[in-house]
Amino acid sequence: MATKRRRPRRRSKKRRSPFVKNGRIQWLNLLLVLGAVVLLSGIAKRSFDAQPPTPTPVAVTTHSGFIQKLAPPAQVIQKRYHVLASISLSQAILESDWGRSTNATENNNLFGVKAYATQAGRLMTTQEYYDGAYHTVKRRFAVYDSWHDSLVAHAKKLANGTPWDAQHYSAVIHAKDYQTAAKALQTAGYATDPSYAQKIINIIQKYDLQRYDRE
């Protein structure tokens, strides 16, 4: 009677792990993976303020296009910093001439914000009102990476005040309507123009910007 040949047993393949070799933990591989996880989680948690710079056009060709571009971030800013969207929009329109001013196109500065001594800035010619008349003067203006950064910086300035007075613009932040907020801006000395508040109010009413305060 013929004997049955036994089939050789197949050796099971050991699963290789990048973290364990010959029973030893591969610390270098483990640290590399952990570092990658930390890096990715940091990128995912970037806040609204830290959005990467986005290309800014030289100018938006229409008034409605300018408003449509800035309205969504202005509404987000209102929820976060309590600056009415209509105030952000109207000031940007007035200060930057609808995004066409040199300050807006070269510095991404929509609000005529001047640079502090320790802040990046650029010396530019501007008009300021004092002693009962307008005067041409040189001032250093803040430079931003994008219009979005300018919007956020403007909101932070109103919400956090000045380096010498944290409550300097508190009346603007606590205003319940755009008229009160506009007058509070002028009272706080945001601009030297004696008719600044009324110009802001006129722009808001002409373009119905108060509708963005409710949306």
N, C-alpha and C. Protein backbone atom coordinates (compact mmCIF):
# COMPACT_ATOMS: atom_id res chain seq x y z
N MET A 1 0.86 -1.18 0.00
CA MET A 1 0.00 0.00 0.00
C MET A 1 0.90 1.23 0.00
N ALA A 2 0.64 2.11 -0.95
CA ALA A 2 1.47 3.30 -1.09
C ALA A 2 1.20 4.29 0.03
N THR A 3 2.26 4.83 0.52
CA THR A 3 2.09 5.82 1.60
C THR A 3 1.79 7.20 0.99
N LYS A 4 0.95 7.95 1.69
CA LYS A 4 0.58 9.29 1.21
C LYS A 4 1.70 10.28 1.55
N ARG A 5 2.03 11.02 0.52
CA ARG A 5 3.04 12.04 0.75
C ARG A 5 2.42 13.25 1.46
N ARG A 6 3.12 13.63 2.47
CA ARG A 6 2.64 14.82 3.18
C ARG A 6 3.09 16.09 2.44
N ARG A 7 2.10 16.96 2.28
CA ARG A 7 2.40 18.22 1.62
C ARG A 7 3.13 19.14 2.60
N PRO A 8 4.15 19.75 2.11
CA PRO A 8 4.90 20.67 3.01
C PRO A 8 4.01 21.83 3.46
N ARG A 9 4.10 22.12 4.73
CA ARG A 9 3.29 23.22 5.26
C ARG A 9 3.84 24.56 4.77
N ARG A 10 2.90 25.38 4.40
CA ARG A 10 3.29 26.72 3.96
C ARG A 10 3.54 27.59 5.18
N ARG A 11 4.68 28.19 5.12
CA ARG A 11 4.99 29.08 6.22
C ARG A 11 4.20 30.39 6.07
N SER A 12 3.57 30.74 7.14
CA SER A 12 2.78 31.98 7.11
C SER A 12 3.73 33.16 7.06
N LYS A 13 3.39 34.10 6.18
CA LYS A 13 4.22 35.28 6.01
C LYS A 13 3.99 36.24 7.17
N LYS A 14 5.08 36.62 7.75
CA LYS A 14 4.95 37.57 8.85
C LYS A 14 4.68 38.96 8.30
N ARG A 15 3.72 39.61 8.91
CA ARG A 15 3.41 40.97 8.49
C ARG A 15 4.49 41.93 8.97
N ARG A 16 5.00 42.65 8.02
CA ARG A 16 6.05 43.59 8.37
C ARG A 16 5.43 44.90 8.83
N SER A 17 5.98 45.50 9.83
CA SER A 17 5.51 46.78 10.36
C SER A 17 6.64 47.79 10.27
N PRO A 18 6.33 49.01 9.81
CA PRO A 18 7.39 50.03 9.75
C PRO A 18 7.82 50.49 11.13
N PHE A 19 7.05 50.09 12.17
CA PHE A 19 7.35 50.55 13.52
C PHE A 19 8.05 49.49 14.38
N VAL A 20 8.04 48.23 13.92
CA VAL A 20 8.67 47.15 14.69
C VAL A 20 9.50 46.29 13.75
N LYS A 21 10.75 46.05 14.09
CA LYS A 21 11.64 45.22 13.29
C LYS A 21 12.47 44.35 14.23
N ASN A 22 12.32 43.04 13.98
CA ASN A 22 13.03 42.08 14.83
C ASN A 22 12.71 42.28 16.31
N GLY A 23 11.43 42.63 16.54
CA GLY A 23 10.99 42.80 17.93
C GLY A 23 11.39 44.12 18.56
N ARG A 24 12.00 45.01 17.76
CA ARG A 24 12.42 46.30 18.31
C ARG A 24 11.60 47.43 17.69
N ILE A 25 11.23 48.36 18.52
CA ILE A 25 10.46 49.51 18.05
C ILE A 25 11.37 50.44 17.25
N GLN A 26 10.91 50.81 16.06
CA GLN A 26 11.67 51.72 15.21
C GLN A 26 11.27 53.16 15.56
N TRP A 27 11.96 53.75 16.50
CA TRP A 27 11.56 55.05 17.03
C TRP A 27 11.63 56.15 15.98
N LEU A 28 12.58 56.08 15.08
CA LEU A 28 12.71 57.12 14.07
C LEU A 28 11.46 57.19 13.20
N ASN A 29 11.00 56.01 12.72
CA ASN A 29 9.79 55.99 11.89
C ASN A 29 8.58 56.48 12.66
N LEU A 30 8.50 56.08 13.93
CA LEU A 30 7.37 56.48 14.75
C LEU A 30 7.34 58.00 14.96
N LEU A 31 8.51 58.58 15.22
CA LEU A 31 8.59 60.02 15.42
C LEU A 31 8.26 60.80 14.15
N LEU A 32 8.68 60.26 13.00
CA LEU A 32 8.37 60.90 11.73
C LEU A 32 6.87 60.95 11.48
N VAL A 33 6.18 59.84 11.77
CA VAL A 33 4.73 59.78 11.58
C VAL A 33 4.02 60.73 12.54
N LEU A 34 4.46 60.73 13.80
CA LEU A 34 3.85 61.62 14.79
C LEU A 34 4.04 63.08 14.40
N GLY A 35 5.22 63.40 13.89
CA GLY A 35 5.48 64.77 13.45
C GLY A 35 4.57 65.18 12.31
N ALA A 36 4.34 64.25 11.37
CA ALA A 36 3.45 64.54 10.25
C ALA A 36 2.02 64.77 10.72
N VAL A 37 1.58 63.97 11.70
CA VAL A 37 0.22 64.12 12.23
C VAL A 37 0.05 65.47 12.91
N VAL A 38 1.04 65.88 13.70
CA VAL A 38 0.98 67.17 14.38
C VAL A 38 0.94 68.31 13.37
N LEU A 39 1.76 68.20 12.31
CA LEU A 39 1.81 69.23 11.28
C LEU A 39 0.47 69.37 10.57
N LEU A 40 -0.13 68.23 10.19
CA LEU A 40 -1.40 68.25 9.48
C LEU A 40 -2.52 68.79 10.36
N SER A 41 -2.50 68.43 11.64
CA SER A 41 -3.55 68.92 12.54
C SER A 41 -3.42 70.43 12.75
N GLY A 42 -2.18 70.93 12.75
CA GLY A 42 -1.97 72.37 12.89
C GLY A 42 -2.51 73.12 11.70
N ILE A 43 -2.29 72.55 10.51
CA ILE A 43 -2.81 73.19 9.30
C ILE A 43 -4.33 73.20 9.31
N ALA A 44 -4.94 72.11 9.74
CA ALA A 44 -6.39 72.01 9.74
C ALA A 44 -7.05 72.97 10.71
N LYS A 45 -6.30 73.37 11.76
CA LYS A 45 -6.88 74.22 12.80
C LYS A 45 -6.58 75.70 12.58
N ARG A 46 -6.13 76.05 11.41
CA ARG A 46 -5.88 77.46 11.16
C ARG A 46 -7.16 78.25 11.35
N SER A 47 -7.06 79.35 12.06
CA SER A 47 -8.24 80.16 12.35
C SER A 47 -8.59 81.03 11.17
N PHE A 48 -9.74 81.70 11.28
CA PHE A 48 -10.20 82.61 10.24
C PHE A 48 -9.19 83.74 10.01
N ASP A 49 -8.57 84.20 11.10
CA ASP A 49 -7.62 85.30 11.00
C ASP A 49 -6.37 84.90 10.24
N ALA A 50 -6.04 83.60 10.24
CA ALA A 50 -4.77 83.15 9.67
C ALA A 50 -4.93 82.57 8.28
N GLN A 51 -5.99 82.94 7.59
CA GLN A 51 -6.15 82.44 6.23
C GLN A 51 -4.96 82.90 5.39
N PRO A 52 -4.47 82.05 4.50
CA PRO A 52 -3.33 82.43 3.69
C PRO A 52 -3.67 83.59 2.77
N PRO A 53 -2.70 84.44 2.46
CA PRO A 53 -2.96 85.57 1.58
C PRO A 53 -3.54 85.12 0.26
N THR A 54 -4.55 85.84 -0.21
CA THR A 54 -5.15 85.53 -1.49
C THR A 54 -4.87 86.67 -2.46
N PRO A 55 -4.71 86.35 -3.74
CA PRO A 55 -4.42 87.41 -4.69
C PRO A 55 -5.51 88.47 -4.69
N THR A 56 -5.12 89.73 -4.66
CA THR A 56 -6.08 90.83 -4.68
C THR A 56 -5.99 91.53 -6.03
N PRO A 57 -7.12 91.71 -6.71
CA PRO A 57 -7.10 92.39 -7.99
C PRO A 57 -6.73 93.86 -7.80
N VAL A 58 -6.23 94.48 -8.85
CA VAL A 58 -5.87 95.89 -8.77
C VAL A 58 -7.09 96.71 -8.38
N ALA A 59 -8.23 96.40 -8.92
CA ALA A 59 -9.47 97.07 -8.55
C ALA A 59 -10.64 96.23 -9.01
N VAL A 60 -11.75 96.32 -8.29
CA VAL A 60 -12.97 95.67 -8.74
C VAL A 60 -13.66 96.63 -9.69
N THR A 61 -14.13 96.14 -10.80
CA THR A 61 -14.56 97.03 -11.88
C THR A 61 -15.90 97.72 -11.62
N THR A 62 -16.74 97.16 -10.75
CA THR A 62 -18.04 97.78 -10.50
C THR A 62 -18.26 97.95 -9.00
N HIS A 63 -19.14 98.86 -8.64
CA HIS A 63 -19.48 99.07 -7.24
C HIS A 63 -20.13 97.83 -6.64
N SER A 64 -21.03 97.23 -7.38
CA SER A 64 -21.71 96.03 -6.88
C SER A 64 -20.72 94.88 -6.71
N GLY A 65 -19.74 94.79 -7.61
CA GLY A 65 -18.72 93.75 -7.50
C GLY A 65 -17.86 93.93 -6.27
N PHE A 66 -17.54 95.17 -5.95
CA PHE A 66 -16.75 95.46 -4.76
C PHE A 66 -17.52 95.05 -3.50
N ILE A 67 -18.79 95.40 -3.45
CA ILE A 67 -19.63 95.06 -2.30
C ILE A 67 -19.78 93.55 -2.17
N GLN A 68 -20.03 92.88 -3.29
CA GLN A 68 -20.21 91.43 -3.25
C GLN A 68 -18.94 90.71 -2.82
N LYS A 69 -17.78 91.28 -3.13
CA LYS A 69 -16.51 90.66 -2.75
C LYS A 69 -16.27 90.77 -1.25
N LEU A 70 -16.61 91.92 -0.67
CA LEU A 70 -16.29 92.16 0.73
C LEU A 70 -17.42 91.81 1.70
N ALA A 71 -18.64 91.72 1.22
CA ALA A 71 -19.78 91.49 2.12
C ALA A 71 -19.67 90.18 2.91
N PRO A 72 -19.36 89.03 2.28
CA PRO A 72 -19.28 87.78 3.06
C PRO A 72 -18.27 87.83 4.20
N PRO A 73 -17.01 88.26 3.97
CA PRO A 73 -16.09 88.33 5.11
C PRO A 73 -16.51 89.39 6.13
N ALA A 74 -17.14 90.47 5.68
CA ALA A 74 -17.59 91.51 6.61
C ALA A 74 -18.66 90.95 7.55
N GLN A 75 -19.51 90.05 7.05
CA GLN A 75 -20.54 89.45 7.89
C GLN A 75 -19.94 88.47 8.90
N VAL A 76 -18.92 87.73 8.47
CA VAL A 76 -18.23 86.84 9.40
C VAL A 76 -17.54 87.65 10.49
N ILE A 77 -16.92 88.74 10.09
CA ILE A 77 -16.24 89.62 11.04
C ILE A 77 -17.23 90.21 12.04
N GLN A 78 -18.43 90.55 11.57
CA GLN A 78 -19.44 91.10 12.49
C GLN A 78 -19.74 90.12 13.61
N LYS A 79 -19.87 88.84 13.27
CA LYS A 79 -20.17 87.83 14.28
C LYS A 79 -19.03 87.65 15.27
N ARG A 80 -17.81 87.83 14.78
CA ARG A 80 -16.65 87.57 15.63
C ARG A 80 -16.22 88.78 16.45
N TYR A 81 -16.23 89.96 15.82
CA TYR A 81 -15.69 91.15 16.48
C TYR A 81 -16.75 92.21 16.79
N HIS A 82 -17.99 91.97 16.37
CA HIS A 82 -19.12 92.87 16.66
C HIS A 82 -19.00 94.23 15.98
N VAL A 83 -18.33 94.25 14.84
CA VAL A 83 -18.30 95.44 14.01
C VAL A 83 -19.36 95.25 12.93
N LEU A 84 -20.34 96.14 12.88
CA LEU A 84 -21.41 95.98 11.91
C LEU A 84 -20.84 95.86 10.49
N ALA A 85 -21.38 94.93 9.73
CA ALA A 85 -20.91 94.73 8.35
C ALA A 85 -21.06 96.00 7.53
N SER A 86 -22.13 96.74 7.75
CA SER A 86 -22.35 97.98 7.00
C SER A 86 -21.26 99.00 7.28
N ILE A 87 -20.74 99.01 8.50
CA ILE A 87 -19.65 99.93 8.85
C ILE A 87 -18.36 99.51 8.16
N SER A 88 -18.04 98.22 8.19
CA SER A 88 -16.84 97.73 7.50
C SER A 88 -16.90 98.06 6.01
N LEU A 89 -18.06 97.79 5.40
CA LEU A 89 -18.21 98.01 3.96
C LEU A 89 -18.14 99.49 3.59
N SER A 90 -18.88 100.31 4.32
CA SER A 90 -18.93 101.74 3.99
C SER A 90 -17.57 102.41 4.20
N GLN A 91 -16.87 102.04 5.26
CA GLN A 91 -15.55 102.60 5.49
C GLN A 91 -14.57 102.17 4.39
N ALA A 92 -14.66 100.91 4.00
CA ALA A 92 -13.78 100.43 2.92
C ALA A 92 -14.06 101.19 1.63
N ILE A 93 -15.32 101.44 1.35
CA ILE A 93 -15.70 102.18 0.14
C ILE A 93 -15.14 103.59 0.19
N LEU A 94 -15.36 104.27 1.32
CA LEU A 94 -14.95 105.66 1.46
C LEU A 94 -13.42 105.79 1.49
N GLU A 95 -12.77 104.98 2.28
CA GLU A 95 -11.33 105.12 2.48
C GLU A 95 -10.50 104.66 1.28
N SER A 96 -11.01 103.67 0.55
CA SER A 96 -10.22 103.12 -0.57
C SER A 96 -10.72 103.54 -1.94
N ASP A 97 -11.80 104.35 -1.98
CA ASP A 97 -12.41 104.72 -3.27
C ASP A 97 -12.75 103.49 -4.08
N TRP A 98 -13.51 102.59 -3.43
CA TRP A 98 -13.95 101.35 -4.07
C TRP A 98 -12.78 100.45 -4.47
N GLY A 99 -11.73 100.45 -3.66
CA GLY A 99 -10.58 99.59 -3.93
C GLY A 99 -9.64 100.11 -4.98
N ARG A 100 -9.80 101.38 -5.39
CA ARG A 100 -8.98 101.92 -6.47
C ARG A 100 -7.85 102.82 -5.99
N SER A 101 -7.82 103.13 -4.70
CA SER A 101 -6.78 104.02 -4.20
C SER A 101 -5.42 103.32 -4.24
N THR A 102 -4.36 104.11 -4.25
CA THR A 102 -3.01 103.55 -4.24
C THR A 102 -2.79 102.74 -2.98
N ASN A 103 -3.34 103.20 -1.87
CA ASN A 103 -3.21 102.48 -0.61
C ASN A 103 -3.83 101.09 -0.70
N ALA A 104 -4.94 101.00 -1.42
CA ALA A 104 -5.63 99.72 -1.55
C ALA A 104 -4.95 98.80 -2.55
N THR A 105 -4.48 99.35 -3.65
CA THR A 105 -3.90 98.51 -4.71
C THR A 105 -2.47 98.10 -4.41
N GLU A 106 -1.70 98.97 -3.72
CA GLU A 106 -0.30 98.66 -3.46
C GLU A 106 -0.07 98.09 -2.06
N ASN A 107 -0.87 98.53 -1.09
CA ASN A 107 -0.67 98.10 0.30
C ASN A 107 -1.77 97.18 0.80
N ASN A 108 -2.79 96.94 -0.02
CA ASN A 108 -3.97 96.16 0.41
C ASN A 108 -4.61 96.78 1.65
N ASN A 109 -4.45 98.09 1.80
CA ASN A 109 -4.97 98.82 2.95
C ASN A 109 -6.28 99.50 2.54
N LEU A 110 -7.40 98.92 2.97
CA LEU A 110 -8.71 99.43 2.57
C LEU A 110 -9.23 100.55 3.46
N PHE A 111 -8.64 100.74 4.63
CA PHE A 111 -9.24 101.64 5.62
C PHE A 111 -8.35 102.83 6.00
N GLY A 112 -7.30 103.07 5.25
CA GLY A 112 -6.43 104.19 5.57
C GLY A 112 -5.78 104.06 6.93
N VAL A 113 -5.51 102.82 7.35
CA VAL A 113 -4.92 102.57 8.67
C VAL A 113 -3.45 102.94 8.65
N LYS A 114 -3.05 103.78 9.60
CA LYS A 114 -1.64 104.18 9.69
C LYS A 114 -0.85 103.13 10.47
N ALA A 115 0.41 103.00 10.14
CA ALA A 115 1.27 101.99 10.77
C ALA A 115 1.81 102.51 12.09
N TYR A 116 1.84 101.61 13.08
CA TYR A 116 2.50 101.93 14.34
C TYR A 116 4.01 101.89 14.12
N ALA A 117 4.75 102.36 15.10
CA ALA A 117 6.21 102.44 14.95
C ALA A 117 6.84 101.08 14.70
N THR A 118 6.28 100.03 15.30
CA THR A 118 6.85 98.68 15.16
C THR A 118 6.20 97.87 14.05
N GLN A 119 5.34 98.49 13.27
CA GLN A 119 4.58 97.78 12.23
C GLN A 119 5.12 98.11 10.85
N ALA A 120 5.05 97.12 9.96
CA ALA A 120 5.47 97.35 8.58
C ALA A 120 4.60 98.44 7.96
N GLY A 121 5.22 99.40 7.33
CA GLY A 121 4.46 100.50 6.75
C GLY A 121 5.13 101.11 5.55
N ARG A 122 4.40 101.97 4.88
CA ARG A 122 4.92 102.65 3.70
C ARG A 122 4.53 104.12 3.76
N LEU A 123 5.51 104.99 3.52
CA LEU A 123 5.27 106.43 3.56
C LEU A 123 4.52 106.86 2.31
N MET A 124 3.38 107.56 2.53
CA MET A 124 2.54 107.96 1.41
C MET A 124 1.97 109.35 1.66
N THR A 125 1.57 110.00 0.59
CA THR A 125 0.95 111.32 0.67
C THR A 125 -0.55 111.17 0.90
N THR A 126 -1.10 111.98 1.80
CA THR A 126 -2.53 111.92 2.09
C THR A 126 -3.04 113.31 2.46
N GLN A 127 -4.36 113.43 2.55
CA GLN A 127 -5.00 114.68 2.94
C GLN A 127 -5.54 114.55 4.36
N GLU A 128 -5.22 115.51 5.22
CA GLU A 128 -5.76 115.52 6.57
C GLU A 128 -6.33 116.90 6.88
N TYR A 129 -7.41 116.88 7.67
CA TYR A 129 -8.10 118.13 8.00
C TYR A 129 -7.70 118.59 9.39
N TYR A 130 -7.16 119.80 9.47
CA TYR A 130 -6.88 120.42 10.77
C TYR A 130 -6.72 121.93 10.56
N ASP A 131 -6.90 122.66 11.63
CA ASP A 131 -6.85 124.13 11.59
C ASP A 131 -7.84 124.69 10.58
N GLY A 132 -8.98 124.00 10.43
CA GLY A 132 -10.04 124.51 9.57
C GLY A 132 -9.84 124.33 8.09
N ALA A 133 -8.86 123.50 7.68
CA ALA A 133 -8.61 123.29 6.25
C ALA A 133 -7.93 121.95 6.03
N TYR A 134 -7.94 121.49 4.76
CA TYR A 134 -7.26 120.25 4.40
C TYR A 134 -5.80 120.55 4.06
N HIS A 135 -4.92 119.64 4.48
CA HIS A 135 -3.49 119.81 4.24
C HIS A 135 -2.92 118.52 3.67
N THR A 136 -1.98 118.66 2.74
CA THR A 136 -1.29 117.51 2.17
C THR A 136 -0.11 117.17 3.06
N VAL A 137 -0.09 115.93 3.56
CA VAL A 137 0.94 115.51 4.50
C VAL A 137 1.47 114.12 4.12
N LYS A 138 2.60 113.75 4.71
CA LYS A 138 3.18 112.42 4.52
C LYS A 138 2.92 111.61 5.79
N ARG A 139 2.40 110.40 5.60
CA ARG A 139 2.12 109.52 6.73
C ARG A 139 2.51 108.09 6.35
N ARG A 140 2.89 107.30 7.37
CA ARG A 140 3.20 105.88 7.14
C ARG A 140 1.92 105.06 7.29
N PHE A 141 1.58 104.31 6.25
CA PHE A 141 0.37 103.49 6.27
C PHE A 141 0.72 102.01 6.37
N ALA A 142 -0.14 101.27 7.05
CA ALA A 142 0.08 99.83 7.23
C ALA A 142 0.00 99.10 5.90
N VAL A 143 0.77 98.03 5.78
CA VAL A 143 0.79 97.20 4.57
C VAL A 143 0.30 95.80 4.94
N TYR A 144 -0.63 95.26 4.15
CA TYR A 144 -1.22 93.94 4.41
C TYR A 144 -0.99 93.01 3.23
N ASP A 145 -1.11 91.72 3.49
CA ASP A 145 -0.91 90.73 2.43
C ASP A 145 -2.13 90.61 1.51
N SER A 146 -3.30 90.98 2.01
CA SER A 146 -4.52 90.84 1.21
C SER A 146 -5.59 91.77 1.75
N TRP A 147 -6.65 91.95 0.99
CA TRP A 147 -7.79 92.73 1.46
C TRP A 147 -8.43 92.05 2.68
N HIS A 148 -8.44 90.75 2.67
CA HIS A 148 -9.00 90.01 3.81
C HIS A 148 -8.25 90.38 5.10
N ASP A 149 -6.93 90.42 5.03
CA ASP A 149 -6.13 90.79 6.20
C ASP A 149 -6.44 92.21 6.66
N SER A 150 -6.68 93.08 5.71
CA SER A 150 -7.02 94.46 6.03
C SER A 150 -8.36 94.54 6.77
N LEU A 151 -9.34 93.77 6.31
CA LEU A 151 -10.65 93.72 6.97
C LEU A 151 -10.52 93.25 8.41
N VAL A 152 -9.76 92.18 8.61
CA VAL A 152 -9.60 91.62 9.96
C VAL A 152 -8.85 92.60 10.86
N ALA A 153 -7.79 93.22 10.35
CA ALA A 153 -7.00 94.17 11.14
C ALA A 153 -7.86 95.37 11.56
N HIS A 154 -8.72 95.83 10.65
CA HIS A 154 -9.61 96.95 10.95
C HIS A 154 -10.58 96.57 12.07
N ALA A 155 -11.15 95.38 11.99
CA ALA A 155 -12.09 94.92 13.01
C ALA A 155 -11.39 94.77 14.37
N LYS A 156 -10.18 94.23 14.34
CA LYS A 156 -9.42 94.07 15.59
C LYS A 156 -9.10 95.42 16.22
N LYS A 157 -8.82 96.39 15.37
CA LYS A 157 -8.51 97.73 15.88
C LYS A 157 -9.70 98.31 16.62
N LEU A 158 -10.89 98.14 16.05
CA LEU A 158 -12.10 98.66 16.69
C LEU A 158 -12.46 97.85 17.93
N ALA A 159 -12.25 96.54 17.87
CA ALA A 159 -12.61 95.67 19.00
C ALA A 159 -11.64 95.78 20.16
N ASN A 160 -10.35 95.93 19.84
CA ASN A 160 -9.32 95.92 20.88
C ASN A 160 -8.83 97.31 21.28
N GLY A 161 -9.24 98.33 20.53
CA GLY A 161 -8.82 99.67 20.86
C GLY A 161 -7.41 99.97 20.40
N THR A 162 -6.86 101.05 20.93
CA THR A 162 -5.51 101.48 20.57
C THR A 162 -4.51 101.00 21.63
N PRO A 163 -3.22 101.08 21.33
CA PRO A 163 -2.22 100.65 22.33
C PRO A 163 -2.31 101.45 23.63
N TRP A 164 -2.83 102.67 23.56
CA TRP A 164 -2.93 103.51 24.76
C TRP A 164 -4.32 103.50 25.40
N ASP A 165 -5.33 102.90 24.72
CA ASP A 165 -6.68 102.87 25.27
C ASP A 165 -7.46 101.71 24.67
N ALA A 166 -7.60 100.64 25.43
CA ALA A 166 -8.29 99.44 24.93
C ALA A 166 -9.77 99.69 24.68
N GLN A 167 -10.35 100.72 25.30
CA GLN A 167 -11.77 101.01 25.15
C GLN A 167 -12.03 102.17 24.18
N HIS A 168 -11.04 102.52 23.41
CA HIS A 168 -11.14 103.72 22.57
C HIS A 168 -12.33 103.67 21.60
N TYR A 169 -12.61 102.50 21.06
CA TYR A 169 -13.71 102.37 20.09
C TYR A 169 -14.86 101.52 20.63
N SER A 170 -14.98 101.44 21.94
CA SER A 170 -16.01 100.58 22.54
C SER A 170 -17.42 101.01 22.15
N ALA A 171 -17.63 102.31 21.96
CA ALA A 171 -18.96 102.79 21.56
C ALA A 171 -19.33 102.30 20.16
N VAL A 172 -18.34 102.13 19.31
CA VAL A 172 -18.58 101.61 17.95
C VAL A 172 -18.98 100.14 18.04
N ILE A 173 -18.28 99.38 18.86
CA ILE A 173 -18.53 97.94 19.00
C ILE A 173 -19.90 97.67 19.62
N HIS A 174 -20.31 98.51 20.55
CA HIS A 174 -21.58 98.29 21.25
C HIS A 174 -22.77 98.96 20.58
N ALA A 175 -22.54 99.66 19.49
CA ALA A 175 -23.64 100.31 18.78
C ALA A 175 -24.59 99.28 18.19
N LYS A 176 -25.89 99.56 18.28
CA LYS A 176 -26.90 98.63 17.77
C LYS A 176 -27.33 98.95 16.34
N ASP A 177 -26.95 100.11 15.84
CA ASP A 177 -27.30 100.48 14.48
C ASP A 177 -26.16 101.27 13.85
N TYR A 178 -26.18 101.35 12.53
CA TYR A 178 -25.05 101.94 11.81
C TYR A 178 -24.91 103.44 12.06
N GLN A 179 -26.02 104.14 12.29
CA GLN A 179 -25.93 105.58 12.52
C GLN A 179 -25.19 105.88 13.82
N THR A 180 -25.52 105.14 14.86
CA THR A 180 -24.83 105.32 16.14
C THR A 180 -23.35 104.95 16.01
N ALA A 181 -23.07 103.87 15.29
CA ALA A 181 -21.70 103.42 15.10
C ALA A 181 -20.88 104.44 14.32
N ALA A 182 -21.48 105.02 13.26
CA ALA A 182 -20.77 106.01 12.44
C ALA A 182 -20.43 107.25 13.25
N LYS A 183 -21.37 107.71 14.06
CA LYS A 183 -21.11 108.89 14.90
C LYS A 183 -20.06 108.59 15.96
N ALA A 184 -20.07 107.37 16.47
CA ALA A 184 -19.08 106.97 17.48
C ALA A 184 -17.68 106.94 16.86
N LEU A 185 -17.58 106.55 15.60
CA LEU A 185 -16.28 106.56 14.91
C LEU A 185 -15.71 107.97 14.85
N GLN A 186 -16.57 108.92 14.49
CA GLN A 186 -16.10 110.30 14.39
C GLN A 186 -15.74 110.86 15.77
N THR A 187 -16.56 110.56 16.77
CA THR A 187 -16.27 111.03 18.13
C THR A 187 -14.93 110.50 18.63
N ALA A 188 -14.63 109.24 18.26
CA ALA A 188 -13.37 108.62 18.69
C ALA A 188 -12.17 109.12 17.89
N GLY A 189 -12.44 109.94 16.86
CA GLY A 189 -11.35 110.50 16.07
C GLY A 189 -10.74 109.56 15.06
N TYR A 190 -11.57 108.62 14.51
CA TYR A 190 -11.03 107.69 13.53
C TYR A 190 -10.46 108.44 12.33
N ALA A 191 -11.15 109.51 11.91
CA ALA A 191 -10.70 110.32 10.78
C ALA A 191 -10.77 111.79 11.15
N THR A 192 -9.99 112.60 10.44
CA THR A 192 -9.97 114.03 10.73
C THR A 192 -11.08 114.79 10.00
N ASP A 193 -11.70 114.16 9.03
CA ASP A 193 -12.78 114.79 8.25
C ASP A 193 -13.96 115.10 9.17
N PRO A 194 -14.37 116.37 9.29
CA PRO A 194 -15.48 116.74 10.18
C PRO A 194 -16.83 116.18 9.74
N SER A 195 -16.95 115.77 8.48
CA SER A 195 -18.22 115.21 7.99
C SER A 195 -18.12 113.70 7.77
N TYR A 196 -17.15 113.07 8.44
CA TYR A 196 -16.88 111.64 8.23
C TYR A 196 -18.10 110.78 8.53
N ALA A 197 -18.73 111.00 9.67
CA ALA A 197 -19.88 110.17 10.07
C ALA A 197 -21.00 110.28 9.04
N GLN A 198 -21.29 111.48 8.58
CA GLN A 198 -22.38 111.66 7.63
C GLN A 198 -22.07 111.00 6.29
N LYS A 199 -20.80 111.04 5.88
CA LYS A 199 -20.41 110.38 4.63
C LYS A 199 -20.61 108.86 4.74
N ILE A 200 -20.27 108.30 5.91
CA ILE A 200 -20.46 106.87 6.13
C ILE A 200 -21.95 106.52 6.07
N ILE A 201 -22.76 107.32 6.74
CA ILE A 201 -24.21 107.09 6.76
C ILE A 201 -24.80 107.19 5.36
N ASN A 202 -24.35 108.19 4.60
CA ASN A 202 -24.87 108.37 3.23
C ASN A 202 -24.55 107.17 2.35
N ILE A 203 -23.35 106.64 2.47
CA ILE A 203 -22.95 105.48 1.66
C ILE A 203 -23.80 104.26 2.03
N ILE A 204 -23.99 104.05 3.31
CA ILE A 204 -24.78 102.90 3.77
C ILE A 204 -26.20 102.99 3.23
N GLN A 205 -26.79 104.16 3.30
CA GLN A 205 -28.17 104.32 2.85
C GLN A 205 -28.30 104.24 1.33
N LYS A 206 -27.33 104.80 0.62
CA LYS A 206 -27.39 104.79 -0.85
C LYS A 206 -27.31 103.38 -1.42
N TYR A 207 -26.47 102.53 -0.80
CA TYR A 207 -26.27 101.18 -1.33
C TYR A 207 -26.94 100.10 -0.46
N ASP A 208 -27.81 100.56 0.46
CA ASP A 208 -28.57 99.64 1.30
C ASP A 208 -27.66 98.63 2.01
N LEU A 209 -26.56 99.10 2.53
CA LEU A 209 -25.58 98.21 3.15
C LEU A 209 -26.05 97.66 4.49
N GLN A 210 -27.03 98.32 5.10
CA GLN A 210 -27.53 97.84 6.40
C GLN A 210 -28.17 96.46 6.29
N ARG A 211 -28.52 96.05 5.08
CA ARG A 211 -29.12 94.73 4.91
C ARG A 211 -28.14 93.63 5.29
N TYR A 212 -26.85 93.90 5.18
CA TYR A 212 -25.84 92.90 5.54
C TYR A 212 -25.67 92.76 7.06
N ASP A 213 -26.17 93.74 7.80
CA ASP A 213 -26.12 93.64 9.27
C ASP A 213 -27.09 92.58 9.77
N ARG A 214 -28.12 92.27 8.98
CA ARG A 214 -29.17 91.36 9.40
C ARG A 214 -28.96 89.94 8.87
N GLU A 215 -28.15 89.78 7.86
CA GLU A 215 -28.01 88.47 7.20
C GLU A 215 -26.91 87.64 7.83
